Amino acid sequence: MSDFDTGADYGHVEAGQDHESLNQLHQVDASDSNYDSQFGVFEQDHASAESTSFDQGHHVSYTDPSGAQYEESDFTSYDHSAAETDHVFAAEGSESASSSEFHELEALQARLDSSFASATELHTDGGGQLGVASN
């Protein structure tokens, strides 16, 4: 025991609660559309004409002094005609389309509850008791 005795008590008590919460919402809406068309046309024309004509002639006429007459004819004729036409047409094509959509929803919710209590006690009268409690 000490020479100085006050006979005092000391006490300290603390208690409380904490409440915390988090609410979060995230939403995404997206879409994508594509369209593609490709067409090709090929066209070709061709025309030709041809004409050939061949003529050959031979004519001899002879009269002799006695009055006799001699006559000879040779003739050749050749004719040729040709006509030609060509037409080519080709077409090719492709067409495509696509579409997509995307939706996303995220939700986050959190809650935190806590409580606490603490106490301190000091007795110096006689035995000197010291106590600490916490929760």
Protein backbone atom coordinates (compact mmCIF):
# COMPACT_ATOMS: atom_id res chain seq x y z
CA MET A 1 0.00 0.00 0.00
CA SER A 2 1.22 3.48 -0.69
CA ASP A 3 1.50 6.41 1.67
CA PHE A 4 -0.99 8.35 -0.45
CA ASP A 5 -4.42 6.73 -0.66
CA THR A 6 -7.26 8.56 -2.36
CA GLY A 7 -9.85 5.79 -2.29
CA ALA A 8 -10.98 6.71 -5.85
CA ASP A 9 -12.77 4.61 -8.45
CA TYR A 10 -12.26 5.18 -12.15
CA GLY A 11 -14.60 3.84 -14.82
CA HIS A 12 -14.88 4.22 -18.60
CA VAL A 13 -17.56 2.63 -20.77
CA GLU A 14 -17.93 3.05 -24.55
CA ALA A 15 -20.48 1.34 -26.84
CA GLY A 16 -21.54 1.96 -30.43
CA GLN A 17 -22.78 0.55 -33.74
CA ASP A 18 -21.71 1.02 -37.35
CA HIS A 19 -24.00 0.48 -40.34
CA GLU A 20 -22.65 0.79 -43.86
CA SER A 21 -24.22 -0.20 -47.16
CA LEU A 22 -23.30 0.00 -50.83
CA ASN A 23 -25.75 -0.17 -53.73
CA GLN A 24 -24.38 0.06 -57.26
CA LEU A 25 -26.11 -0.56 -60.59
CA HIS A 26 -24.31 -0.66 -63.95
CA GLN A 27 -26.20 -1.10 -67.23
CA VAL A 28 -24.83 -1.39 -70.80
CA ASP A 29 -26.92 -1.52 -73.99
CA ALA A 30 -25.06 -1.86 -77.30
CA SER A 31 -25.89 -2.88 -80.86
CA ASP A 32 -23.96 -3.36 -84.08
CA SER A 33 -25.34 -3.56 -87.64
CA ASN A 34 -23.43 -4.25 -90.85
CA TYR A 35 -24.61 -4.26 -94.47
CA ASP A 36 -22.48 -5.06 -97.50
CA SER A 37 -23.41 -5.34 -101.17
CA GLN A 38 -21.14 -6.00 -104.10
CA PHE A 39 -22.28 -6.30 -107.68
CA GLY A 40 -20.26 -6.61 -110.85
CA VAL A 41 -21.51 -6.55 -114.45
CA PHE A 42 -19.48 -7.60 -117.47
CA GLU A 43 -20.83 -6.98 -120.95
CA GLN A 44 -19.07 -7.39 -124.26
CA ASP A 45 -20.34 -6.87 -127.80
CA HIS A 46 -18.67 -7.93 -131.02
CA ALA A 47 -19.87 -7.46 -134.57
CA SER A 48 -18.17 -8.05 -137.88
CA ALA A 49 -19.25 -8.06 -141.52
CA GLU A 50 -17.41 -9.38 -144.51
CA SER A 51 -18.18 -9.23 -148.21
CA THR A 52 -16.10 -10.65 -151.02
CA SER A 53 -16.84 -10.36 -154.71
CA PHE A 54 -14.64 -11.83 -157.42
CA ASP A 55 -15.45 -11.33 -161.09
CA GLN A 56 -13.36 -12.56 -164.00
CA GLY A 57 -14.29 -12.31 -167.62
CA HIS A 58 -12.91 -13.38 -170.94
CA HIS A 59 -14.56 -12.66 -174.24
CA VAL A 60 -13.06 -13.25 -177.67
CA SER A 61 -14.86 -12.44 -180.85
CA TYR A 62 -13.22 -13.25 -184.20
CA THR A 63 -14.44 -12.95 -187.72
CA ASP A 64 -12.22 -14.37 -190.46
CA PRO A 65 -12.01 -13.00 -194.01
CA SER A 66 -14.33 -15.62 -195.30
CA GLY A 67 -17.03 -14.35 -192.97
CA ALA A 68 -16.94 -17.10 -190.41
CA GLN A 69 -17.35 -15.86 -186.92
CA TYR A 70 -15.91 -17.33 -183.83
CA GLU A 71 -16.88 -16.17 -180.37
CA GLU A 72 -15.83 -17.44 -176.98
CA SER A 73 -16.82 -16.28 -173.49
CA ASP A 74 -15.44 -17.39 -170.19
CA PHE A 75 -16.78 -15.78 -167.06
CA THR A 76 -16.28 -16.52 -163.39
CA SER A 77 -18.16 -14.82 -160.60
CA TYR A 78 -17.64 -15.43 -156.95
CA ASP A 79 -19.61 -13.77 -154.17
CA HIS A 80 -19.15 -14.23 -150.43
CA SER A 81 -20.99 -12.54 -147.54
CA ALA A 82 -20.64 -13.14 -143.83
CA ALA A 83 -22.07 -11.43 -140.82
CA GLU A 84 -21.25 -12.24 -137.22
CA THR A 85 -22.40 -10.80 -133.93
CA ASP A 86 -21.52 -11.84 -130.39
CA HIS A 87 -22.97 -10.61 -127.16
CA VAL A 88 -21.78 -11.71 -123.73
CA PHE A 89 -23.46 -10.59 -120.52
CA ALA A 90 -22.44 -11.71 -117.06
CA ALA A 91 -23.53 -10.44 -113.68
CA GLU A 92 -22.36 -11.44 -110.26
CA GLY A 93 -23.48 -10.12 -106.94
CA SER A 94 -23.45 -10.72 -103.24
CA GLU A 95 -25.31 -9.12 -100.40
CA SER A 96 -24.92 -9.69 -96.69
CA ALA A 97 -26.30 -8.20 -93.52
CA SER A 98 -25.67 -8.87 -89.85
CA SER A 99 -26.98 -7.43 -86.65
CA SER A 100 -26.15 -8.08 -83.02
CA GLU A 101 -27.30 -6.68 -79.72
CA PHE A 102 -25.72 -6.78 -76.29
CA HIS A 103 -27.34 -6.03 -72.95
CA GLU A 104 -25.61 -6.22 -69.59
CA LEU A 105 -26.87 -5.43 -66.10
CA GLU A 106 -24.64 -5.64 -63.06
CA ALA A 107 -25.90 -5.03 -59.56
CA LEU A 108 -23.75 -4.92 -56.45
CA GLN A 109 -25.22 -4.66 -52.97
CA ALA A 110 -23.20 -4.95 -49.78
CA ARG A 111 -24.13 -4.27 -46.15
CA LEU A 112 -21.83 -4.17 -43.15
CA ASP A 113 -23.21 -4.10 -39.62
CA SER A 114 -20.94 -4.02 -36.62
CA SER A 115 -21.27 -3.15 -32.95
CA PHE A 116 -18.64 -2.69 -30.32
CA ALA A 117 -18.33 -2.15 -26.56
CA SER A 118 -15.31 -1.47 -24.40
CA ALA A 119 -14.89 -0.77 -20.69
CA THR A 120 -12.02 0.18 -18.42
CA GLU A 121 -12.24 -0.05 -14.61
CA LEU A 122 -9.68 1.00 -12.01
CA HIS A 123 -10.05 0.54 -8.20
CA THR A 124 -7.28 1.83 -5.99
CA ASP A 125 -9.05 1.39 -2.66
CA GLY A 126 -7.44 -1.34 -0.65
CA GLY A 127 -6.54 -4.07 -3.15
CA GLY A 128 -5.87 -2.10 -6.30
CA GLN A 129 -7.95 -3.91 -8.94
CA LEU A 130 -7.39 -3.12 -12.61
CA GLY A 131 -9.72 -4.48 -15.27
CA VAL A 132 -10.03 -4.04 -19.04
CA ALA A 133 -12.83 -5.53 -21.09
CA SER A 134 -13.55 -5.14 -24.78
CA ASN A 135 -15.83 -6.73 -27.27
